[in-house]
Amino acid sequence: MHTALFSFWLGAAYIHNSHVRIDIAFISAAPRTIVFAEFIGCLVFAIPYCLLALYFSFDFTWEAWVVGEASPSSNGLAFRWIPKGCMTAGLLLLFAGVISVLMRSIVYLYGDPGLRKRATPPVIADKLEASS
């Protein structure tokens, strides 16, 4: 249950900026600088991590399914592919969240000025509300 709970909220937490973040370098930075750092972070770190983790977790889940992996304990989990599948599904949700934040960052940085307010990423939404 813990695997499912953690896996399924991870993507939503990233979209809503509810995850743990250390922004010491960006305390006094301009909103565009923060969004640009988020953009670079998505491209350089988050997307490659998600793709690599998805590749291995899918294989991990698939092997458990094909082999019919079960717990050796008599009262253990009969279908180990279920929690492993939750990890894969959670990574898919995280990847979707990263793509969402990346697209919002692109619109904020390079898109139409009229769309900028609607596309404001959560990473700077609180900062903009505090300054107004």
Protein backbone atom coordinates (compact mmCIF):
# COMPACT_ATOMS: atom_id res chain seq x y z
CA MET A 1 0.00 0.00 0.00
CA HIS A 2 2.86 2.37 0.77
CA THR A 3 4.34 1.80 -2.68
CA ALA A 4 1.03 2.62 -4.36
CA LEU A 5 0.44 5.70 -2.21
CA PHE A 6 3.92 7.08 -2.77
CA SER A 7 3.99 6.25 -6.48
CA PHE A 8 0.62 7.73 -7.33
CA TRP A 9 1.05 11.09 -5.57
CA LEU A 10 4.56 11.80 -6.84
CA GLY A 11 3.53 13.24 -10.22
CA ALA A 12 0.78 15.37 -8.68
CA ALA A 13 3.17 16.64 -6.03
CA TYR A 14 5.59 17.77 -8.73
CA ILE A 15 2.88 19.57 -10.70
CA HIS A 16 1.64 21.43 -7.60
CA ASN A 17 5.17 22.13 -6.28
CA SER A 18 4.38 20.18 -3.11
CA HIS A 19 7.57 18.16 -3.16
CA VAL A 20 10.66 18.81 -1.08
CA ARG A 21 12.79 21.51 -2.69
CA ILE A 22 15.83 23.44 -1.54
CA ASP A 23 15.79 26.83 -3.25
CA ILE A 24 18.58 28.62 -1.41
CA ALA A 25 20.16 29.69 -4.70
CA PHE A 26 16.90 31.25 -5.89
CA ILE A 27 15.74 33.19 -2.82
CA SER A 28 16.21 36.57 -4.44
CA ALA A 29 16.15 35.48 -8.10
CA ALA A 30 13.77 36.91 -10.67
CA PRO A 31 10.77 34.76 -11.62
CA ARG A 32 12.08 34.19 -15.17
CA THR A 33 15.39 32.95 -13.74
CA ILE A 34 13.60 30.47 -11.49
CA VAL A 35 11.43 29.21 -14.36
CA PHE A 36 14.47 28.92 -16.62
CA ALA A 37 16.24 26.84 -13.95
CA GLU A 38 13.13 24.64 -13.70
CA PHE A 39 13.14 24.30 -17.51
CA ILE A 40 16.81 23.23 -17.55
CA GLY A 41 16.24 20.90 -14.60
CA CYS A 42 13.38 19.18 -16.43
CA LEU A 43 15.44 18.75 -19.60
CA VAL A 44 18.75 17.75 -18.03
CA PHE A 45 17.72 15.81 -14.93
CA ALA A 46 14.03 14.93 -14.63
CA ILE A 47 13.25 13.63 -18.12
CA PRO A 48 16.39 11.45 -18.43
CA TYR A 49 15.80 10.10 -14.91
CA CYS A 50 12.17 9.27 -15.65
CA LEU A 51 13.00 7.57 -18.94
CA LEU A 52 15.80 5.49 -17.43
CA ALA A 53 13.76 4.54 -14.36
CA LEU A 54 10.76 3.68 -16.55
CA TYR A 55 12.89 1.45 -18.74
CA PHE A 56 14.18 -0.55 -15.80
CA SER A 57 10.94 -0.57 -13.81
CA PHE A 58 8.94 -1.80 -16.79
CA ASP A 59 11.41 -4.66 -17.23
CA PHE A 60 11.26 -5.32 -13.47
CA THR A 61 7.44 -5.50 -13.59
CA TRP A 62 7.32 -7.52 -16.80
CA GLU A 63 9.66 -10.20 -15.45
CA ALA A 64 7.58 -10.50 -12.27
CA TRP A 65 4.45 -10.93 -14.42
CA VAL A 66 5.96 -13.50 -16.79
CA VAL A 67 7.57 -15.59 -14.08
CA GLY A 68 4.54 -15.35 -11.79
CA GLU A 69 6.74 -14.09 -8.99
CA ALA A 70 5.27 -14.55 -5.51
CA SER A 71 6.49 -14.09 -1.98
CA PRO A 72 8.25 -17.14 -0.51
CA SER A 73 6.34 -16.57 2.72
CA SER A 74 3.13 -18.59 3.11
CA ASN A 75 1.12 -15.47 3.97
CA GLY A 76 3.05 -13.15 1.62
CA LEU A 77 1.90 -11.35 -1.49
CA ALA A 78 0.93 -13.80 -4.23
CA PHE A 79 1.37 -11.37 -7.12
CA ARG A 80 4.52 -9.30 -6.77
CA TRP A 81 3.92 -7.65 -10.12
CA ILE A 82 1.22 -5.52 -8.47
CA PRO A 83 3.53 -3.35 -6.29
CA LYS A 84 6.15 -3.38 -9.05
CA GLY A 85 3.47 -2.25 -11.50
CA CYS A 86 2.52 0.54 -9.08
CA MET A 87 6.10 1.79 -9.23
CA THR A 88 6.00 1.77 -13.04
CA ALA A 89 2.62 3.54 -13.12
CA GLY A 90 3.90 6.09 -10.61
CA LEU A 91 6.93 6.80 -12.77
CA LEU A 92 4.64 7.26 -15.77
CA LEU A 93 2.61 9.77 -13.75
CA LEU A 94 5.80 11.54 -12.67
CA PHE A 95 6.96 11.69 -16.29
CA ALA A 96 3.61 13.18 -17.30
CA GLY A 97 3.96 15.75 -14.50
CA VAL A 98 7.47 16.68 -15.62
CA ILE A 99 6.28 17.13 -19.20
CA SER A 100 3.43 19.32 -17.92
CA VAL A 101 5.78 21.53 -15.92
CA LEU A 102 8.19 21.67 -18.87
CA MET A 103 5.43 22.81 -21.24
CA ARG A 104 4.22 25.44 -18.77
CA SER A 105 7.78 26.69 -18.42
CA ILE A 106 8.16 26.95 -22.19
CA VAL A 107 4.93 28.94 -22.48
CA TYR A 108 5.98 31.18 -19.59
CA LEU A 109 9.44 31.82 -21.02
CA TYR A 110 8.81 31.95 -24.76
CA GLY A 111 5.06 32.00 -25.33
CA ASP A 112 2.48 34.67 -25.92
CA PRO A 113 2.47 37.31 -23.15
CA GLY A 114 -1.30 36.88 -22.86
CA LEU A 115 -0.83 33.22 -21.92
CA ARG A 116 1.99 33.88 -19.48
CA LYS A 117 -0.29 34.44 -16.48
CA ARG A 118 -2.26 31.24 -17.17
CA ALA A 119 0.94 29.24 -17.65
CA THR A 120 2.71 30.48 -14.54
CA PRO A 121 4.44 27.41 -13.06
CA PRO A 122 3.73 26.69 -9.39
CA VAL A 123 7.42 27.11 -8.62
CA ILE A 124 6.98 30.90 -8.87
CA ALA A 125 3.21 31.31 -8.34
CA ASP A 126 3.63 31.84 -4.58
CA LYS A 127 6.47 34.29 -5.13
CA LEU A 128 4.39 36.33 -7.59
CA GLU A 129 1.39 36.41 -5.22
CA ALA A 130 3.58 37.58 -2.34
CA SER A 131 5.05 40.44 -4.37
CA SER A 132 1.66 41.76 -5.55
